[in-house]
Amino acid sequence: QVWYNINVNLKVSQAKRHFCNLFNITNQHEIKHLKLFYFDQVMSQIQGPEELKYPNRNLYSYQIETGDLFELIRYPDS
């Protein structure tokens, strides 16, 4: 687990690339098989994490607050 401040003006696709760079994930094939999830510290307890699957959506539209979390999860090849 790594704590990091993120610029909420980034788009989802930019944030995913940024997180991949933080963890030295540069292989494009591997990046394509990663999903980005957002854990709102209040709502995720009720409805679970939200997959950020719209690459052009701005992060601020998720109303991110201090303490919220992101998680990159690898899913298998299809």
PDB file of N, CA and C in Angstrom:
ATOM      1  N   GLN A   1       0.852  -1.166   0.000  1.00  0.00           N
ATOM      2  CA  GLN A   1       0.000   0.000   0.000  1.00  0.00           C
ATOM      3  C   GLN A   1       0.898   1.229   0.000  1.00  0.00           C
ATOM      4  N   VAL A   2       0.604   2.163  -0.890  1.00  0.00           N
ATOM      5  CA  VAL A   2       1.379   3.390  -1.019  1.00  0.00           C
ATOM      6  C   VAL A   2       0.423   4.571  -0.918  1.00  0.00           C
ATOM      7  N   TRP A   3       0.766   5.545  -0.096  1.00  0.00           N
ATOM      8  CA  TRP A   3      -0.045   6.759   0.019  1.00  0.00           C
ATOM      9  C   TRP A   3       0.551   7.815  -0.891  1.00  0.00           C
ATOM     10  N   TYR A   4      -0.332   8.478  -1.638  1.00  0.00           N
ATOM     11  CA  TYR A   4       0.134   9.442  -2.617  1.00  0.00           C
ATOM     12  C   TYR A   4      -0.979  10.442  -2.885  1.00  0.00           C
ATOM     13  N   ASN A   5      -0.621  11.696  -3.093  1.00  0.00           N
ATOM     14  CA  ASN A   5      -1.600  12.711  -3.479  1.00  0.00           C
ATOM     15  C   ASN A   5      -1.725  12.713  -4.988  1.00  0.00           C
ATOM     16  N   ILE A   6      -2.963  12.807  -5.487  1.00  0.00           N
ATOM     17  CA  ILE A   6      -3.209  12.781  -6.930  1.00  0.00           C
ATOM     18  C   ILE A   6      -3.892  14.079  -7.347  1.00  0.00           C
ATOM     19  N   ASN A   7      -3.556  14.561  -8.515  1.00  0.00           N
ATOM     20  CA  ASN A   7      -4.183  15.748  -9.087  1.00  0.00           C
ATOM     21  C   ASN A   7      -5.575  15.358  -9.590  1.00  0.00           C
ATOM     22  N   VAL A   8      -6.618  15.904  -8.987  1.00  0.00           N
ATOM     23  CA  VAL A   8      -7.983  15.525  -9.361  1.00  0.00           C
ATOM     24  C   VAL A   8      -8.414  16.124 -10.699  1.00  0.00           C
ATOM     25  N   ASN A   9      -7.581  16.956 -11.305  1.00  0.00           N
ATOM     26  CA  ASN A   9      -7.891  17.494 -12.632  1.00  0.00           C
ATOM     27  C   ASN A   9      -7.507  16.527 -13.749  1.00  0.00           C
ATOM     28  N   LEU A  10      -6.863  15.414 -13.392  1.00  0.00           N
ATOM     29  CA  LEU A  10      -6.510  14.411 -14.398  1.00  0.00           C
ATOM     30  C   LEU A  10      -7.746  13.665 -14.866  1.00  0.00           C
ATOM     31  N   LYS A  11      -7.666  13.169 -16.081  1.00  0.00           N
ATOM     32  CA  LYS A  11      -8.699  12.263 -16.586  1.00  0.00           C
ATOM     33  C   LYS A  11      -8.361  10.852 -16.095  1.00  0.00           C
ATOM     34  N   VAL A  12      -9.341   9.960 -16.114  1.00  0.00           N
ATOM     35  CA  VAL A  12      -9.143   8.590 -15.633  1.00  0.00           C
ATOM     36  C   VAL A  12      -7.969   7.929 -16.351  1.00  0.00           C
ATOM     37  N   SER A  13      -7.887   8.078 -17.673  1.00  0.00           N
ATOM     38  CA  SER A  13      -6.793   7.450 -18.429  1.00  0.00           C
ATOM     39  C   SER A  13      -5.436   8.004 -18.001  1.00  0.00           C
ATOM     40  N   GLN A  14      -5.365   9.302 -17.726  1.00  0.00           N
ATOM     41  CA  GLN A  14      -4.116   9.912 -17.281  1.00  0.00           C
ATOM     42  C   GLN A  14      -3.739   9.415 -15.885  1.00  0.00           C
ATOM     43  N   ALA A  15      -4.731   9.275 -15.020  1.00  0.00           N
ATOM     44  CA  ALA A  15      -4.479   8.794 -13.662  1.00  0.00           C
ATOM     45  C   ALA A  15      -3.975   7.356 -13.697  1.00  0.00           C
ATOM     46  N   LYS A  16      -4.583   6.532 -14.547  1.00  0.00           N
ATOM     47  CA  LYS A  16      -4.152   5.138 -14.658  1.00  0.00           C
ATOM     48  C   LYS A  16      -2.694   5.073 -15.109  1.00  0.00           C
ATOM     49  N   ARG A  17      -2.323   5.864 -16.120  1.00  0.00           N
ATOM     50  CA  ARG A  17      -0.929   5.911 -16.583  1.00  0.00           C
ATOM     51  C   ARG A  17      -0.002   6.389 -15.466  1.00  0.00           C
ATOM     52  N   HIS A  18      -0.467   7.401 -14.730  1.00  0.00           N
ATOM     53  CA  HIS A  18       0.321   7.957 -13.633  1.00  0.00           C
ATOM     54  C   HIS A  18       0.589   6.894 -12.564  1.00  0.00           C
ATOM     55  N   PHE A  19      -0.449   6.158 -12.177  1.00  0.00           N
ATOM     56  CA  PHE A  19      -0.278   5.094 -11.178  1.00  0.00           C
ATOM     57  C   PHE A  19       0.643   3.995 -11.704  1.00  0.00           C
ATOM     58  N   CYS A  20       0.497   3.654 -12.966  1.00  0.00           N
ATOM     59  CA  CYS A  20       1.381   2.640 -13.563  1.00  0.00           C
ATOM     60  C   CYS A  20       2.832   3.098 -13.511  1.00  0.00           C
ATOM     61  N   ASN A  21       3.077   4.359 -13.818  1.00  0.00           N
ATOM     62  CA  ASN A  21       4.442   4.900 -13.750  1.00  0.00           C
ATOM     63  C   ASN A  21       4.994   4.852 -12.328  1.00  0.00           C
ATOM     64  N   LEU A  22       4.141   5.125 -11.336  1.00  0.00           N
ATOM     65  CA  LEU A  22       4.582   5.075  -9.938  1.00  0.00           C
ATOM     66  C   LEU A  22       5.110   3.698  -9.558  1.00  0.00           C
ATOM     67  N   PHE A  23       4.506   2.668 -10.149  1.00  0.00           N
ATOM     68  CA  PHE A  23       4.890   1.297  -9.819  1.00  0.00           C
ATOM     69  C   PHE A  23       5.740   0.653 -10.917  1.00  0.00           C
ATOM     70  N   ASN A  24       6.306   1.498 -11.787  1.00  0.00           N
ATOM     71  CA  ASN A  24       7.196   1.042 -12.864  1.00  0.00           C
ATOM     72  C   ASN A  24       6.554  -0.008 -13.760  1.00  0.00           C
ATOM     73  N   ILE A  25       5.276   0.162 -14.041  1.00  0.00           N
ATOM     74  CA  ILE A  25       4.575  -0.715 -14.981  1.00  0.00           C
ATOM     75  C   ILE A  25       4.580   0.008 -16.321  1.00  0.00           C
ATOM     76  N   THR A  26       5.405  -0.470 -17.247  1.00  0.00           N
ATOM     77  CA  THR A  26       5.554   0.220 -18.527  1.00  0.00           C
ATOM     78  C   THR A  26       5.136  -0.629 -19.715  1.00  0.00           C
ATOM     79  N   ASN A  27       4.967  -1.918 -19.510  1.00  0.00           N
ATOM     80  CA  ASN A  27       4.571  -2.814 -20.589  1.00  0.00           C
ATOM     81  C   ASN A  27       3.122  -2.531 -20.986  1.00  0.00           C
ATOM     82  N   GLN A  28       2.906  -2.123 -22.241  1.00  0.00           N
ATOM     83  CA  GLN A  28       1.566  -1.745 -22.700  1.00  0.00           C
ATOM     84  C   GLN A  28       0.569  -2.893 -22.603  1.00  0.00           C
ATOM     85  N   HIS A  29       1.025  -4.114 -22.851  1.00  0.00           N
ATOM     86  CA  HIS A  29       0.134  -5.274 -22.737  1.00  0.00           C
ATOM     87  C   HIS A  29      -0.338  -5.431 -21.290  1.00  0.00           C
ATOM     88  N   GLU A  30       0.576  -5.251 -20.359  1.00  0.00           N
ATOM     89  CA  GLU A  30       0.220  -5.361 -18.940  1.00  0.00           C
ATOM     90  C   GLU A  30      -0.717  -4.229 -18.522  1.00  0.00           C
ATOM     91  N   ILE A  31      -0.453  -3.016 -18.994  1.00  0.00           N
ATOM     92  CA  ILE A  31      -1.296  -1.867 -18.652  1.00  0.00           C
ATOM     93  C   ILE A  31      -2.721  -2.075 -19.144  1.00  0.00           C
ATOM     94  N   LYS A  32      -2.865  -2.662 -20.337  1.00  0.00           N
ATOM     95  CA  LYS A  32      -4.203  -2.909 -20.881  1.00  0.00           C
ATOM     96  C   LYS A  32      -4.992  -3.886 -20.026  1.00  0.00           C
ATOM     97  N   HIS A  33      -4.301  -4.702 -19.234  1.00  0.00           N
ATOM     98  CA  HIS A  33      -4.975  -5.696 -18.400  1.00  0.00           C
ATOM     99  C   HIS A  33      -5.082  -5.258 -16.939  1.00  0.00           C
ATOM    100  N   LEU A  34      -5.019  -3.965 -16.714  1.00  0.00           N
ATOM    101  CA  LEU A  34      -5.209  -3.420 -15.374  1.00  0.00           C
ATOM    102  C   LEU A  34      -6.503  -2.622 -15.336  1.00  0.00           C
ATOM    103  N   LYS A  35      -7.238  -2.784 -14.258  1.00  0.00           N
ATOM    104  CA  LYS A  35      -8.439  -1.982 -14.034  1.00  0.00           C
ATOM    105  C   LYS A  35      -8.162  -1.078 -12.843  1.00  0.00           C
ATOM    106  N   LEU A  36      -8.698   0.139 -12.919  1.00  0.00           N
ATOM    107  CA  LEU A  36      -8.525   1.108 -11.842  1.00  0.00           C
ATOM    108  C   LEU A  36      -9.835   1.219 -11.073  1.00  0.00           C
ATOM    109  N   PHE A  37      -9.748   1.039  -9.757  1.00  0.00           N
ATOM    110  CA  PHE A  37     -10.921   1.138  -8.895  1.00  0.00           C
ATOM    111  C   PHE A  37     -10.750   2.288  -7.924  1.00  0.00           C
ATOM    112  N   TYR A  38     -11.882   2.902  -7.570  1.00  0.00           N
ATOM    113  CA  TYR A  38     -11.920   4.019  -6.631  1.00  0.00           C
ATOM    114  C   TYR A  38     -12.727   3.603  -5.413  1.00  0.00           C
ATOM    115  N   PHE A  39     -12.138   3.792  -4.240  1.00  0.00           N
ATOM    116  CA  PHE A  39     -12.800   3.479  -2.976  1.00  0.00           C
ATOM    117  C   PHE A  39     -13.105   4.786  -2.248  1.00  0.00           C
ATOM    118  N   ASP A  40     -14.346   5.240  -2.345  1.00  0.00           N
ATOM    119  CA  ASP A  40     -14.804   6.388  -1.563  1.00  0.00           C
ATOM    120  C   ASP A  40     -14.909   5.901  -0.120  1.00  0.00           C
ATOM    121  N   GLN A  41     -14.291   6.616   0.823  1.00  0.00           N
ATOM    122  CA  GLN A  41     -14.220   6.123   2.192  1.00  0.00           C
ATOM    123  C   GLN A  41     -15.582   5.949   2.855  1.00  0.00           C
ATOM    124  N   VAL A  42     -16.623   6.601   2.352  1.00  0.00           N
ATOM    125  CA  VAL A  42     -17.970   6.437   2.908  1.00  0.00           C
ATOM    126  C   VAL A  42     -18.790   5.487   2.047  1.00  0.00           C
ATOM    127  N   MET A  43     -18.904   5.791   0.757  1.00  0.00           N
ATOM    128  CA  MET A  43     -19.797   5.034  -0.125  1.00  0.00           C
ATOM    129  C   MET A  43     -19.318   3.609  -0.393  1.00  0.00           C
ATOM    130  N   SER A  44     -18.016   3.371  -0.383  1.00  0.00           N
ATOM    131  CA  SER A  44     -17.542   2.015  -0.679  1.00  0.00           C
ATOM    132  C   SER A  44     -17.948   1.030   0.413  1.00  0.00           C
ATOM    133  N   GLN A  45     -18.210   1.527   1.620  1.00  0.00           N
ATOM    134  CA  GLN A  45     -18.698   0.653   2.688  1.00  0.00           C
ATOM    135  C   GLN A  45     -20.127   0.204   2.411  1.00  0.00           C
ATOM    136  N   ILE A  46     -20.876   1.010   1.667  1.00  0.00           N
ATOM    137  CA  ILE A  46     -22.274   0.712   1.362  1.00  0.00           C
ATOM    138  C   ILE A  46     -22.399  -0.060   0.055  1.00  0.00           C
ATOM    139  N   GLN A  47     -21.738   0.431  -0.983  1.00  0.00           N
ATOM    140  CA  GLN A  47     -21.922  -0.165  -2.310  1.00  0.00           C
ATOM    141  C   GLN A  47     -20.658  -0.751  -2.915  1.00  0.00           C
ATOM    142  N   GLY A  48     -19.563  -0.733  -2.210  1.00  0.00           N
ATOM    143  CA  GLY A  48     -18.324  -1.290  -2.728  1.00  0.00           C
ATOM    144  C   GLY A  48     -17.562  -0.295  -3.587  1.00  0.00           C
ATOM    145  N   PRO A  49     -16.404  -0.717  -4.105  1.00  0.00           N
ATOM    146  CA  PRO A  49     -15.587   0.178  -4.927  1.00  0.00           C
ATOM    147  C   PRO A  49     -16.227   0.413  -6.288  1.00  0.00           C
ATOM    148  N   GLU A  50     -15.806   1.491  -6.934  1.00  0.00           N
ATOM    149  CA  GLU A  50     -16.313   1.834  -8.263  1.00  0.00           C
ATOM    150  C   GLU A  50     -15.190   1.675  -9.279  1.00  0.00           C
ATOM    151  N   GLU A  51     -15.457   0.903 -10.326  1.00  0.00           N
ATOM    152  CA  GLU A  51     -14.469   0.778 -11.395  1.00  0.00           C
ATOM    153  C   GLU A  51     -14.483   2.056 -12.219  1.00  0.00           C
ATOM    154  N   LEU A  52     -13.310   2.610 -12.453  1.00  0.00           N
ATOM    155  CA  LEU A  52     -13.193   3.828 -13.257  1.00  0.00           C
ATOM    156  C   LEU A  52     -12.975   3.405 -14.702  1.00  0.00           C
ATOM    157  N   LYS A  53     -14.069   3.202 -15.422  1.00  0.00           N
ATOM    158  CA  LYS A  53     -13.971   2.637 -16.769  1.00  0.00           C
ATOM    159  C   LYS A  53     -14.220   3.640 -17.883  1.00  0.00           C
ATOM    160  N   TYR A  54     -14.376   4.913 -17.546  1.00  0.00           N
ATOM    161  CA  TYR A  54     -14.578   5.941 -18.569  1.00  0.00           C
ATOM    162  C   TYR A  54     -13.309   6.782 -18.664  1.00  0.00           C
ATOM    163  N   PRO A  55     -12.448   6.506 -19.648  1.00  0.00           N
ATOM    164  CA  PRO A  55     -11.112   7.113 -19.696  1.00  0.00           C
ATOM    165  C   PRO A  55     -11.094   8.630 -19.818  1.00  0.00           C
ATOM    166  N   ASN A  56     -12.147   9.234 -20.345  1.00  0.00           N
ATOM    167  CA  ASN A  56     -12.144  10.686 -20.526  1.00  0.00           C
ATOM    168  C   ASN A  56     -12.838  11.443 -19.402  1.00  0.00           C
ATOM    169  N   ARG A  57     -13.294  10.733 -18.392  1.00  0.00           N
ATOM    170  CA  ARG A  57     -13.967  11.387 -17.263  1.00  0.00           C
ATOM    171  C   ARG A  57     -12.914  11.955 -16.316  1.00  0.00           C
ATOM    172  N   ASN A  58     -13.151  13.162 -15.831  1.00  0.00           N
ATOM    173  CA  ASN A  58     -12.227  13.801 -14.900  1.00  0.00           C
ATOM    174  C   ASN A  58     -12.372  13.198 -13.509  1.00  0.00           C
ATOM    175  N   LEU A  59     -11.251  13.064 -12.816  1.00  0.00           N
ATOM    176  CA  LEU A  59     -11.287  12.501 -11.468  1.00  0.00           C
ATOM    177  C   LEU A  59     -12.137  13.333 -10.514  1.00  0.00           C
ATOM    178  N   TYR A  60     -12.109  14.664 -10.658  1.00  0.00           N
ATOM    179  CA  TYR A  60     -12.860  15.500  -9.717  1.00  0.00           C
ATOM    180  C   TYR A  60     -14.356  15.226  -9.759  1.00  0.00           C
ATOM    181  N   SER A  61     -14.853  14.656 -10.862  1.00  0.00           N
ATOM    182  CA  SER A  61     -16.292  14.371 -10.961  1.00  0.00           C
ATOM    183  C   SER A  61     -16.714  13.246 -10.012  1.00  0.00           C
ATOM    184  N   TYR A  62     -15.739  12.518  -9.468  1.00  0.00           N
ATOM    185  CA  TYR A  62     -16.038  11.480  -8.476  1.00  0.00           C
ATOM    186  C   TYR A  62     -16.078  12.054  -7.060  1.00  0.00           C
ATOM    187  N   GLN A  63     -15.847  13.346  -6.933  1.00  0.00           N
ATOM    188  CA  GLN A  63     -15.856  14.046  -5.641  1.00  0.00           C
ATOM    189  C   GLN A  63     -14.882  13.397  -4.652  1.00  0.00           C
ATOM    190  N   ILE A  64     -13.661  13.237  -5.100  1.00  0.00           N
ATOM    191  CA  ILE A  64     -12.600  12.605  -4.317  1.00  0.00           C
ATOM    192  C   ILE A  64     -12.242  13.485  -3.127  1.00  0.00           C
ATOM    193  N   GLU A  65     -12.066  12.836  -1.980  1.00  0.00           N
ATOM    194  CA  GLU A  65     -11.694  13.536  -0.753  1.00  0.00           C
ATOM    195  C   GLU A  65     -10.454  12.886  -0.148  1.00  0.00           C
ATOM    196  N   THR A  66      -9.809  13.602   0.748  1.00  0.00           N
ATOM    197  CA  THR A  66      -8.660  13.064   1.462  1.00  0.00           C
ATOM    198  C   THR A  66      -9.059  11.767   2.158  1.00  0.00           C
ATOM    199  N   GLY A  67      -8.256  10.741   1.984  1.00  0.00           N
ATOM    200  CA  GLY A  67      -8.523   9.449   2.610  1.00  0.00           C
ATOM    201  C   GLY A  67      -9.146   8.434   1.672  1.00  0.00           C
ATOM    202  N   ASP A  68      -9.653   8.883   0.516  1.00  0.00           N
ATOM    203  CA  ASP A  68     -10.188   7.949  -0.469  1.00  0.00           C
ATOM    204  C   ASP A  68      -9.023   7.195  -1.102  1.00  0.00           C
ATOM    205  N   LEU A  69      -9.309   6.021  -1.644  1.00  0.00           N
ATOM    206  CA  LEU A  69      -8.251   5.158  -2.161  1.00  0.00           C
ATOM    207  C   LEU A  69      -8.486   4.765  -3.610  1.00  0.00           C
ATOM    208  N   PHE A  70      -7.387   4.471  -4.302  1.00  0.00           N
ATOM    209  CA  PHE A  70      -7.419   3.904  -5.646  1.00  0.00           C
ATOM    210  C   PHE A  70      -6.694   2.571  -5.589  1.00  0.00           C
ATOM    211  N   GLU A  71      -7.125   1.649  -6.447  1.00  0.00           N
ATOM    212  CA  GLU A  71      -6.456   0.353  -6.514  1.00  0.00           C
ATOM    213  C   GLU A  71      -6.385  -0.095  -7.966  1.00  0.00           C
ATOM    214  N   LEU A  72      -5.198  -0.507  -8.383  1.00  0.00           N
ATOM    215  CA  LEU A  72      -5.000  -1.106  -9.703  1.00  0.00           C
ATOM    216  C   LEU A  72      -5.091  -2.613  -9.540  1.00  0.00           C
ATOM    217  N   ILE A  73      -5.954  -3.239 -10.323  1.00  0.00           N
ATOM    218  CA  ILE A  73      -6.131  -4.688 -10.241  1.00  0.00           C
ATOM    219  C   ILE A  73      -5.908  -5.282 -11.619  1.00  0.00           C
ATOM    220  N   ARG A  74      -5.074  -6.312 -11.670  1.00  0.00           N
ATOM    221  CA  ARG A  74      -4.823  -7.001 -12.937  1.00  0.00           C
ATOM    222  C   ARG A  74      -5.906  -8.034 -13.148  1.00  0.00           C
ATOM    223  N   TYR A  75      -6.474  -8.043 -14.347  1.00  0.00           N
ATOM    224  CA  TYR A  75      -7.443  -9.079 -14.687  1.00  0.00           C
ATOM    225  C   TYR A  75      -6.837  -9.967 -15.758  1.00  0.00           C
ATOM    226  N   PRO A  76      -7.263 -11.236 -15.808  1.00  0.00           N
ATOM    227  CA  PRO A  76      -6.621 -12.201 -16.711  1.00  0.00           C
ATOM    228  C   PRO A  76      -6.871 -11.902 -18.182  1.00  0.00           C
ATOM    229  N   ASP A  77      -5.970 -12.431 -19.022  1.00  0.00           N
ATOM    230  CA  ASP A  77      -6.157 -12.342 -20.476  1.00  0.00           C
ATOM    231  C   ASP A  77      -7.444 -13.064 -20.834  1.00  0.00           C
ATOM    232  N   SER A  78      -8.127 -12.545 -21.876  1.00  0.00           N
ATOM    233  CA  SER A  78      -9.360 -13.226 -22.288  1.00  0.00           C
ATOM    234  C   SER A  78      -9.095 -14.219 -23.377  1.00  0.00           C
TER     235      SER A  78
END
